[in-house]
C-alpha atoms as a PDB file:
ATOM      1  CA  UNK A   1       0.000   0.000   0.000  1.00  0.00           C
ATOM      2  CA  UNK A   2       1.266   3.484  -0.884  1.00  0.00           C
ATOM      3  CA  UNK A   3       0.294   6.616   1.056  1.00  0.00           C
ATOM      4  CA  UNK A   4       1.066  10.054  -0.403  1.00  0.00           C
ATOM      5  CA  UNK A   5       0.794  12.476   2.492  1.00  0.00           C
ATOM      6  CA  UNK A   6       2.194  15.723   1.133  1.00  0.00           C
ATOM      7  CA  UNK A   7       1.322  16.247  -2.523  1.00  0.00           C
ATOM      8  CA  UNK A   8       1.897  19.998  -2.283  1.00  0.00           C
ATOM      9  CA  UNK A   9       5.487  19.524  -1.096  1.00  0.00           C
ATOM     10  CA  UNK A  10       6.173  16.856  -3.707  1.00  0.00           C
ATOM     11  CA  UNK A  11       5.059  19.266  -6.446  1.00  0.00           C
ATOM     12  CA  UNK A  12       7.145  22.080  -4.960  1.00  0.00           C
ATOM     13  CA  UNK A  13      10.389  20.165  -4.379  1.00  0.00           C
ATOM     14  CA  UNK A  14      11.247  19.034  -7.884  1.00  0.00           C
ATOM     15  CA  UNK A  15      13.933  16.358  -7.961  1.00  0.00           C
ATOM     16  CA  UNK A  16      16.031  16.787 -11.092  1.00  0.00           C
ATOM     17  CA  UNK A  17      19.295  14.971 -11.682  1.00  0.00           C
ATOM     18  CA  UNK A  18      21.476  18.036 -11.172  1.00  0.00           C
ATOM     19  CA  UNK A  19      19.680  19.521  -8.127  1.00  0.00           C
ATOM     20  CA  UNK A  20      19.282  16.680  -5.615  1.00  0.00           C
ATOM     21  CA  UNK A  21      21.052  13.870  -3.824  1.00  0.00           C
ATOM     22  CA  UNK A  22      19.869  10.738  -2.050  1.00  0.00           C
ATOM     23  CA  UNK A  23      20.232   9.980   1.664  1.00  0.00           C
ATOM     24  CA  UNK A  24      19.292   6.377   2.395  1.00  0.00           C
ATOM     25  CA  UNK A  25      19.296   3.890   5.210  1.00  0.00           C
ATOM     26  CA  UNK A  26      20.530   0.386   4.302  1.00  0.00           C
ATOM     27  CA  UNK A  27      18.929  -2.367   6.416  1.00  0.00           C
ATOM     28  CA  UNK A  28      15.255  -2.883   5.532  1.00  0.00           C
ATOM     29  CA  UNK A  29      15.370   0.144   3.235  1.00  0.00           C
ATOM     30  CA  UNK A  30      17.693  -0.779   0.393  1.00  0.00           C
ATOM     31  CA  UNK A  31      17.216  -4.379   1.512  1.00  0.00           C
ATOM     32  CA  UNK A  32      13.947  -6.281   1.864  1.00  0.00           C
ATOM     33  CA  UNK A  33      11.912  -5.936   5.021  1.00  0.00           C
ATOM     34  CA  UNK A  34      12.419  -9.647   5.671  1.00  0.00           C
ATOM     35  CA  UNK A  35      16.132  -9.536   4.859  1.00  0.00           C
ATOM     36  CA  UNK A  36      18.650 -10.123   7.622  1.00  0.00           C
ATOM     37  CA  UNK A  37      20.358  -7.034   8.978  1.00  0.00           C
ATOM     38  CA  UNK A  38      24.087  -6.477   8.592  1.00  0.00           C
ATOM     39  CA  UNK A  39      24.384  -7.357  12.286  1.00  0.00           C
ATOM     40  CA  UNK A  40      22.301 -10.494  11.947  1.00  0.00           C
ATOM     41  CA  UNK A  41      24.220 -11.722   8.903  1.00  0.00           C
ATOM     42  CA  UNK A  42      27.210 -12.564  11.104  1.00  0.00           C
ATOM     43  CA  UNK A  43      25.122 -15.141  12.947  1.00  0.00           C
ATOM     44  CA  UNK A  44      24.618 -16.836   9.573  1.00  0.00           C
ATOM     45  CA  UNK A  45      28.362 -17.315   9.245  1.00  0.00           C
ATOM     46  CA  UNK A  46      28.215 -19.769  12.192  1.00  0.00           C
ATOM     47  CA  UNK A  47      31.730 -18.764  13.268  1.00  0.00           C
ATOM     48  CA  UNK A  48      30.967 -17.315  16.689  1.00  0.00           C
ATOM     49  CA  UNK A  49      29.169 -20.286  18.196  1.00  0.00           C
ATOM     50  CA  UNK A  50      25.827 -20.999  19.786  1.00  0.00           C
ATOM     51  CA  UNK A  51      26.413 -18.898  22.898  1.00  0.00           C
ATOM     52  CA  UNK A  52      27.013 -15.812  20.751  1.00  0.00           C
ATOM     53  CA  UNK A  53      23.836 -16.469  18.756  1.00  0.00           C
ATOM     54  CA  UNK A  54      21.782 -16.985  21.918  1.00  0.00           C
ATOM     55  CA  UNK A  55      23.078 -13.790  23.546  1.00  0.00           C
ATOM     56  CA  UNK A  56      22.717 -11.853  20.308  1.00  0.00           C
ATOM     57  CA  UNK A  57      19.111 -13.033  19.942  1.00  0.00           C
ATOM     58  CA  UNK A  58      18.344 -12.112  23.556  1.00  0.00           C
ATOM     59  CA  UNK A  59      19.569  -8.581  22.898  1.00  0.00           C
ATOM     60  CA  UNK A  60      17.526  -8.359  19.705  1.00  0.00           C
ATOM     61  CA  UNK A  61      14.311  -9.590  21.318  1.00  0.00           C
ATOM     62  CA  UNK A  62      14.661  -7.078  24.137  1.00  0.00           C
ATOM     63  CA  UNK A  63      15.791  -3.977  22.236  1.00  0.00           C
ATOM     64  CA  UNK A  64      14.173  -4.296  18.790  1.00  0.00           C
ATOM     65  CA  UNK A  65      10.644  -3.624  20.126  1.00  0.00           C
ATOM     66  CA  UNK A  66      12.004  -0.466  21.751  1.00  0.00           C
ATOM     67  CA  UNK A  67      13.613   0.637  18.472  1.00  0.00           C
ATOM     68  CA  UNK A  68      10.355   0.402  16.495  1.00  0.00           C
ATOM     69  CA  UNK A  69       7.998   1.658  19.221  1.00  0.00           C
ATOM     70  CA  UNK A  70       6.814   5.075  18.048  1.00  0.00           C
ATOM     71  CA  UNK A  71       5.480   5.988  21.517  1.00  0.00           C
ATOM     72  CA  UNK A  72       8.898   5.988  23.234  1.00  0.00           C
ATOM     73  CA  UNK A  73      10.747   9.314  23.494  1.00  0.00           C
ATOM     74  CA  UNK A  74      13.869   9.859  21.400  1.00  0.00           C
ATOM     75  CA  UNK A  75      16.008  10.356  24.498  1.00  0.00           C
ATOM     76  CA  UNK A  76      14.913   7.088  26.101  1.00  0.00           C
ATOM     77  CA  UNK A  77      15.204   5.261  22.806  1.00  0.00           C
ATOM     78  CA  UNK A  78      18.660   6.710  22.093  1.00  0.00           C
ATOM     79  CA  UNK A  79      19.967   5.526  25.460  1.00  0.00           C
ATOM     80  CA  UNK A  80      18.570   2.051  24.808  1.00  0.00           C
ATOM     81  CA  UNK A  81      20.062   1.879  21.313  1.00  0.00           C
ATOM     82  CA  UNK A  82      23.470   2.960  22.597  1.00  0.00           C
ATOM     83  CA  UNK A  83      23.365   0.203  25.220  1.00  0.00           C
ATOM     84  CA  UNK A  84      22.266  -2.369  22.624  1.00  0.00           C
ATOM     85  CA  UNK A  85      24.944  -1.510  20.069  1.00  0.00           C
ATOM     86  CA  UNK A  86      27.744  -1.540  22.645  1.00  0.00           C
ATOM     87  CA  UNK A  87      26.540  -4.839  24.118  1.00  0.00           C
ATOM     88  CA  UNK A  88      26.507  -6.461  20.680  1.00  0.00           C
ATOM     89  CA  UNK A  89      29.955  -5.128  19.820  1.00  0.00           C
ATOM     90  CA  UNK A  90      31.251  -6.527  23.116  1.00  0.00           C
ATOM     91  CA  UNK A  91      30.017  -9.957  22.000  1.00  0.00           C
ATOM     92  CA  UNK A  92      32.242  -9.693  18.921  1.00  0.00           C
ATOM     93  CA  UNK A  93      35.244  -9.228  21.178  1.00  0.00           C
ATOM     94  CA  UNK A  94      34.122 -11.891  23.652  1.00  0.00           C
ATOM     95  CA  UNK A  95      33.737 -14.562  20.963  1.00  0.00           C
ATOM     96  CA  UNK A  96      36.565 -13.453  18.662  1.00  0.00           C
ATOM     97  CA  UNK A  97      34.959 -12.213  15.454  1.00  0.00           C
ATOM     98  CA  UNK A  98      37.049 -13.216  12.439  1.00  0.00           C
ATOM     99  CA  UNK A  99      37.377 -11.104   9.315  1.00  0.00           C
ATOM    100  CA  UNK A 100      36.401 -13.980   7.016  1.00  0.00           C
ATOM    101  CA  UNK A 101      33.024 -14.241   8.796  1.00  0.00           C
ATOM    102  CA  UNK A 102      31.892 -11.247   6.747  1.00  0.00           C
ATOM    103  CA  UNK A 103      32.146 -13.009   3.387  1.00  0.00           C
ATOM    104  CA  UNK A 104      30.801 -16.242   4.873  1.00  0.00           C
ATOM    105  CA  UNK A 105      27.764 -14.392   6.187  1.00  0.00           C
ATOM    106  CA  UNK A 106      27.072 -12.696   2.858  1.00  0.00           C
ATOM    107  CA  UNK A 107      27.401 -15.985   0.967  1.00  0.00           C
ATOM    108  CA  UNK A 108      25.248 -18.015   3.362  1.00  0.00           C
ATOM    109  CA  UNK A 109      22.836 -15.436   4.783  1.00  0.00           C
ATOM    110  CA  UNK A 110      19.580 -13.857   3.681  1.00  0.00           C
ATOM    111  CA  UNK A 111      20.747 -10.397   2.635  1.00  0.00           C
ATOM    112  CA  UNK A 112      18.632  -9.316  -0.332  1.00  0.00           C
ATOM    113  CA  UNK A 113      17.802  -6.097  -2.141  1.00  0.00           C
ATOM    114  CA  UNK A 114      14.360  -4.587  -1.834  1.00  0.00           C
ATOM    115  CA  UNK A 115      12.533  -4.913  -5.129  1.00  0.00           C
ATOM    116  CA  UNK A 116      13.771  -2.260  -7.535  1.00  0.00           C
ATOM    117  CA  UNK A 117      16.603  -1.045  -5.260  1.00  0.00           C
ATOM    118  CA  UNK A 118      19.418  -2.345  -7.459  1.00  0.00           C
ATOM    119  CA  UNK A 119      17.925  -0.663 -10.518  1.00  0.00           C
ATOM    120  CA  UNK A 120      17.376   2.544  -8.533  1.00  0.00           C
ATOM    121  CA  UNK A 121      21.036   2.678  -7.465  1.00  0.00           C
ATOM    122  CA  UNK A 122      22.243   2.197 -11.020  1.00  0.00           C
ATOM    123  CA  UNK A 123      19.868   4.858 -12.348  1.00  0.00           C
ATOM    124  CA  UNK A 124      21.251   7.302  -9.765  1.00  0.00           C
ATOM    125  CA  UNK A 125      24.784   6.415 -10.815  1.00  0.00           C
ATOM    126  CA  UNK A 126      23.964   6.917 -14.490  1.00  0.00           C
ATOM    127  CA  UNK A 127      22.446  10.320 -13.681  1.00  0.00           C
ATOM    128  CA  UNK A 128      25.491  11.192 -11.498  1.00  0.00           C
ATOM    129  CA  UNK A 129      23.255  11.745  -8.460  1.00  0.00           C
ATOM    130  CA  UNK A 130      25.230  11.270  -5.209  1.00  0.00           C
ATOM    131  CA  UNK A 131      23.867   8.538  -2.932  1.00  0.00           C
ATOM    132  CA  UNK A 132      24.728   8.900   0.768  1.00  0.00           C
ATOM    133  CA  UNK A 133      24.077   5.680   2.683  1.00  0.00           C
ATOM    134  CA  UNK A 134      23.891   6.234   6.438  1.00  0.00           C
ATOM    135  CA  UNK A 135      23.635   2.978   8.312  1.00  0.00           C
ATOM    136  CA  UNK A 136      23.702   1.963  11.950  1.00  0.00           C
ATOM    137  CA  UNK A 137      24.773  -1.436  10.660  1.00  0.00           C
ATOM    138  CA  UNK A 138      28.241  -2.694   9.782  1.00  0.00           C
ATOM    139  CA  UNK A 139      29.979  -0.821   6.985  1.00  0.00           C
ATOM    140  CA  UNK A 140      32.334  -3.698   6.114  1.00  0.00           C
ATOM    141  CA  UNK A 141      29.323  -5.885   5.306  1.00  0.00           C
ATOM    142  CA  UNK A 142      27.564  -3.166   3.305  1.00  0.00           C
ATOM    143  CA  UNK A 143      30.660  -2.649   1.174  1.00  0.00           C
ATOM    144  CA  UNK A 144      31.203  -6.376   0.655  1.00  0.00           C
ATOM    145  CA  UNK A 145      27.534  -6.859  -0.225  1.00  0.00           C
ATOM    146  CA  UNK A 146      27.749  -4.174  -2.898  1.00  0.00           C
ATOM    147  CA  UNK A 147      30.989  -5.712  -4.200  1.00  0.00           C
ATOM    148  CA  UNK A 148      29.364  -9.141  -4.243  1.00  0.00           C
ATOM    149  CA  UNK A 149      26.474  -7.724  -6.296  1.00  0.00           C
ATOM    150  CA  UNK A 150      28.825  -5.672  -8.537  1.00  0.00           C
ATOM    151  CA  UNK A 151      27.143  -2.546  -7.235  1.00  0.00           C
ATOM    152  CA  UNK A 152      29.855  -0.634  -5.361  1.00  0.00           C
ATOM    153  CA  UNK A 153      29.308   2.466  -7.486  1.00  0.00           C
ATOM    154  CA  UNK A 154      31.416   5.612  -7.716  1.00  0.00           C
ATOM    155  CA  UNK A 155      28.546   7.903  -6.660  1.00  0.00           C
ATOM    156  CA  UNK A 156      28.081   6.067  -3.315  1.00  0.00           C
ATOM    157  CA  UNK A 157      29.305   7.384   0.032  1.00  0.00           C
ATOM    158  CA  UNK A 158      28.804   5.122   3.053  1.00  0.00           C
ATOM    159  CA  UNK A 159      28.634   6.283   6.677  1.00  0.00           C
ATOM    160  CA  UNK A 160      28.479   3.326   9.042  1.00  0.00           C
ATOM    161  CA  UNK A 161      30.242   1.308  11.750  1.00  0.00           C
ATOM    162  CA  UNK A 162      33.494  -0.079  10.422  1.00  0.00           C
ATOM    163  CA  UNK A 163      35.321  -2.918  12.120  1.00  0.00           C
ATOM    164  CA  UNK A 164      39.094  -2.846  11.987  1.00  0.00           C
ATOM    165  CA  UNK A 165      40.757  -6.250  11.980  1.00  0.00           C
ATOM    166  CA  UNK A 166      44.276  -7.298  12.903  1.00  0.00           C
ATOM    167  CA  UNK A 167      45.721 -10.717  12.041  1.00  0.00           C
ATOM    168  CA  UNK A 168      42.247 -11.796  10.959  1.00  0.00           C
ATOM    169  CA  UNK A 169      40.479 -10.918  14.245  1.00  0.00           C
ATOM    170  CA  UNK A 170      38.505  -7.883  15.408  1.00  0.00           C
ATOM    171  CA  UNK A 171      40.715  -5.130  16.768  1.00  0.00           C
ATOM    172  CA  UNK A 172      38.440  -2.110  17.193  1.00  0.00           C
ATOM    173  CA  UNK A 173      35.428  -0.199  15.904  1.00  0.00           C
ATOM    174  CA  UNK A 174      36.517   2.906  14.018  1.00  0.00           C
ATOM    175  CA  UNK A 175      35.233   6.212  15.359  1.00  0.00           C
ATOM    176  CA  UNK A 176      32.030   6.887  17.247  1.00  0.00           C
ATOM    177  CA  UNK A 177      29.462   4.095  17.299  1.00  0.00           C
ATOM    178  CA  UNK A 178      26.553   4.891  14.971  1.00  0.00           C
ATOM    179  CA  UNK A 179      23.194   3.588  16.186  1.00  0.00           C
ATOM    180  CA  UNK A 180      19.607   4.086  15.022  1.00  0.00           C
ATOM    181  CA  UNK A 181      19.155   7.427  16.803  1.00  0.00           C
ATOM    182  CA  UNK A 182      22.392   9.261  15.951  1.00  0.00           C
ATOM    183  CA  UNK A 183      22.653   8.788  12.180  1.00  0.00           C
ATOM    184  CA  UNK A 184      23.271  11.993  10.258  1.00  0.00           C
ATOM    185  CA  UNK A 185      25.162  13.479   7.375  1.00  0.00           C
ATOM    186  CA  UNK A 186      27.513  15.421   9.686  1.00  0.00           C
ATOM    187  CA  UNK A 187      29.902  12.458   9.627  1.00  0.00           C
ATOM    188  CA  UNK A 188      30.318  12.673   5.854  1.00  0.00           C
ATOM    189  CA  UNK A 189      33.883  13.349   4.703  1.00  0.00           C
ATOM    190  CA  UNK A 190      34.576  16.903   3.526  1.00  0.00           C
ATOM    191  CA  UNK A 191      35.429  15.794  -0.026  1.00  0.00           C
ATOM    192  CA  UNK A 192      32.019  14.107  -0.250  1.00  0.00           C
ATOM    193  CA  UNK A 193      30.215  17.116   1.238  1.00  0.00           C
ATOM    194  CA  UNK A 194      31.642  19.290  -1.523  1.00  0.00           C
ATOM    195  CA  UNK A 195      29.776  17.199  -4.091  1.00  0.00           C
ATOM    196  CA  UNK A 196      26.506  18.254  -2.464  1.00  0.00           C
ATOM    197  CA  UNK A 197      27.111  22.001  -2.253  1.00  0.00           C
ATOM    198  CA  UNK A 198      25.106  22.956  -5.346  1.00  0.00           C
ATOM    199  CA  UNK A 199      22.349  20.399  -4.776  1.00  0.00           C
ATOM    200  CA  UNK A 200      19.660  21.939  -2.583  1.00  0.00           C
ATOM    201  CA  UNK A 201      17.060  19.145  -2.744  1.00  0.00           C
ATOM    202  CA  UNK A 202      17.184  15.735  -1.083  1.00  0.00           C
ATOM    203  CA  UNK A 203      15.425  12.390  -1.403  1.00  0.00           C
ATOM    204  CA  UNK A 204      15.457  10.647   1.982  1.00  0.00           C
ATOM    205  CA  UNK A 205      14.701   6.920   2.233  1.00  0.00           C
ATOM    206  CA  UNK A 206      14.318   5.076   5.531  1.00  0.00           C
ATOM    207  CA  UNK A 207      12.379   2.481   7.469  1.00  0.00           C
ATOM    208  CA  UNK A 208      12.116   4.190  10.848  1.00  0.00           C
ATOM    209  CA  UNK A 209      11.109   7.575  12.240  1.00  0.00           C
ATOM    210  CA  UNK A 210      14.685   8.103  13.459  1.00  0.00           C
ATOM    211  CA  UNK A 211      15.868   8.024   9.836  1.00  0.00           C
ATOM    212  CA  UNK A 212      14.351  11.472   9.387  1.00  0.00           C
ATOM    213  CA  UNK A 213      17.260  12.749  11.491  1.00  0.00           C
ATOM    214  CA  UNK A 214      19.699  11.778   8.741  1.00  0.00           C
ATOM    215  CA  UNK A 215      19.254  15.307   7.385  1.00  0.00           C
ATOM    216  CA  UNK A 216      19.208  18.529   9.385  1.00  0.00           C
ATOM    217  CA  UNK A 217      15.983  20.335  10.305  1.00  0.00           C
ATOM    218  CA  UNK A 218      16.917  23.256   8.067  1.00  0.00           C
ATOM    219  CA  UNK A 219      17.044  20.918   5.055  1.00  0.00           C
ATOM    220  CA  UNK A 220      13.780  19.097   5.694  1.00  0.00           C
ATOM    221  CA  UNK A 221      11.717  21.665   3.721  1.00  0.00           C
ATOM    222  CA  UNK A 222      13.692  20.707   0.608  1.00  0.00           C
ATOM    223  CA  UNK A 223      13.604  16.979   1.337  1.00  0.00           C
ATOM    224  CA  UNK A 224      11.117  14.453  -0.011  1.00  0.00           C
ATOM    225  CA  UNK A 225      10.893  11.781   2.694  1.00  0.00           C
ATOM    226  CA  UNK A 226       9.938   8.170   1.953  1.00  0.00           C
ATOM    227  CA  UNK A 227       9.296   5.651   4.734  1.00  0.00           C
ATOM    228  CA  UNK A 228       9.136   1.897   4.168  1.00  0.00           C
ATOM    229  CA  UNK A 229       6.963   0.435   6.923  1.00  0.00           C
ATOM    230  CA  UNK A 230       7.175  -3.338   7.387  1.00  0.00           C
ATOM    231  CA  UNK A 231       6.827  -4.077  11.114  1.00  0.00           C
ATOM    232  CA  UNK A 232       3.815  -3.397  13.346  1.00  0.00           C
ATOM    233  CA  UNK A 233       2.117  -1.643  10.448  1.00  0.00           C
ATOM    234  CA  UNK A 234      -1.207  -1.015  12.184  1.00  0.00           C
ATOM    235  CA  UNK A 235       0.486   0.376  15.296  1.00  0.00           C
ATOM    236  CA  UNK A 236       2.943   2.620  13.460  1.00  0.00           C
ATOM    237  CA  UNK A 237       1.086   3.712  10.313  1.00  0.00           C
ATOM    238  CA  UNK A 238      -0.399   6.856  11.869  1.00  0.00           C
ATOM    239  CA  UNK A 239       3.026   7.989  13.121  1.00  0.00           C
ATOM    240  CA  UNK A 240       4.653   7.271   9.745  1.00  0.00           C
ATOM    241  CA  UNK A 241       1.950   9.109   7.810  1.00  0.00           C
ATOM    242  CA  UNK A 242       2.411  12.184   9.994  1.00  0.00           C
ATOM    243  CA  UNK A 243       6.190  12.096   9.617  1.00  0.00           C
ATOM    244  CA  UNK A 244       6.904  10.969   6.021  1.00  0.00           C
ATOM    245  CA  UNK A 245       5.759  12.562   2.777  1.00  0.00           C
ATOM    246  CA  UNK A 246       5.339   9.091   1.277  1.00  0.00           C
ATOM    247  CA  UNK A 247       4.781   5.822   3.166  1.00  0.00           C
ATOM    248  CA  UNK A 248       5.051   2.420   1.494  1.00  0.00           C
ATOM    249  CA  UNK A 249       3.922  -0.729   3.301  1.00  0.00           C
ATOM    250  CA  UNK A 250       3.724  -4.465   2.618  1.00  0.00           C
ATOM    251  CA  UNK A 251       7.037  -5.245   0.905  1.00  0.00           C
ATOM    252  CA  UNK A 252       6.992  -1.990  -1.024  1.00  0.00           C
ATOM    253  CA  UNK A 253       9.161  -1.491  -4.079  1.00  0.00           C
ATOM    254  CA  UNK A 254      11.409   1.274  -5.347  1.00  0.00           C
ATOM    255  CA  UNK A 255       9.201   1.147  -8.406  1.00  0.00           C
ATOM    256  CA  UNK A 256       6.511   2.713  -6.187  1.00  0.00           C
ATOM    257  CA  UNK A 257       8.901   5.574  -5.411  1.00  0.00           C
ATOM    258  CA  UNK A 258       9.576   6.157  -9.086  1.00  0.00           C
ATOM    259  CA  UNK A 259       5.895   5.977 -10.008  1.00  0.00           C
ATOM    260  CA  UNK A 260       5.240   8.933  -7.717  1.00  0.00           C
ATOM    261  CA  UNK A 261       8.392  11.006  -8.198  1.00  0.00           C
ATOM    262  CA  UNK A 262       9.174  10.183 -11.858  1.00  0.00           C
ATOM    263  CA  UNK A 263      12.916  10.054 -11.218  1.00  0.00           C
ATOM    264  CA  UNK A 264      13.680   8.098 -14.398  1.00  0.00           C
END
C-alpha cells in the first residue's frame, strides 16, 4: 500500500538529476523488510558459536521492540540503542569475530535487495546523483555486499560502523558508534560534502522515524521523505503518515517511489 501524504510539497520540491542527492538507510530500506540485517548476517556465518547467537538473539528480542515503538521518546530510545549496540559489539570481542566471517555471512545469509533497489542505485549512478548511505549497521558488510552484487558504485558514500581487523580478528570499531538514533550526514567526509554544495534538494529513504534525522531540520523543507513500513504496520502507520511525505507498506518497491516522483 502506498500513502502520499504531502502532494503539495512533492510538487514544490522538484527532484532533477542536477539539483538533488539521495540519503538512504541500508537495512530494511535498500534491503527487503524480511532480509537479515548487517548485524544479523554474522550469525549466519556460524563462526561465533551458539552462545554468541543466543546472547545476540536475547539482545535483539529485548531492544528491537524499543527501536520500532513510536510511543517511546527519542532520548529514552537513544539511550537504549546505545546500550544495545555496545553490548553487541562486546560480543564480537568476547567470541573473537574473524574477518572472514563477513564473506561467509554474505554468501550463506539472507541479505537481499528490496525490489527495484538495485535498478534505482544504477539509475542514480547513471544520472550522477550522489547517494549517501547512512547505516547503523556494519559498513564492512555493506561494502562487501555491494561488491558481491557488482554494485559498489562511484557515486556512493557510506557512513556506518566499520570494524578494523588485525591478524584476521577484530581489533576495534573505528570512530564513534553509529546507532539508530544518531545517524546523520555530519559524519560525511569533507570531499564528499563538496559534491553536495550545489544540490539543494534531497530524497530521503528510511524504514524508521529516526531516519528522518539523517538530514538537518533546516534541510527538511527541501527533502522528499519516503518511509518503508514493514513491522507493526497497524500500530505505526499513523506515526509514519504524519512524519513521512510518502509511506510504502507491505514489501513496497522502489518502483513505487519512481511511479510517484518520476525520477527516471
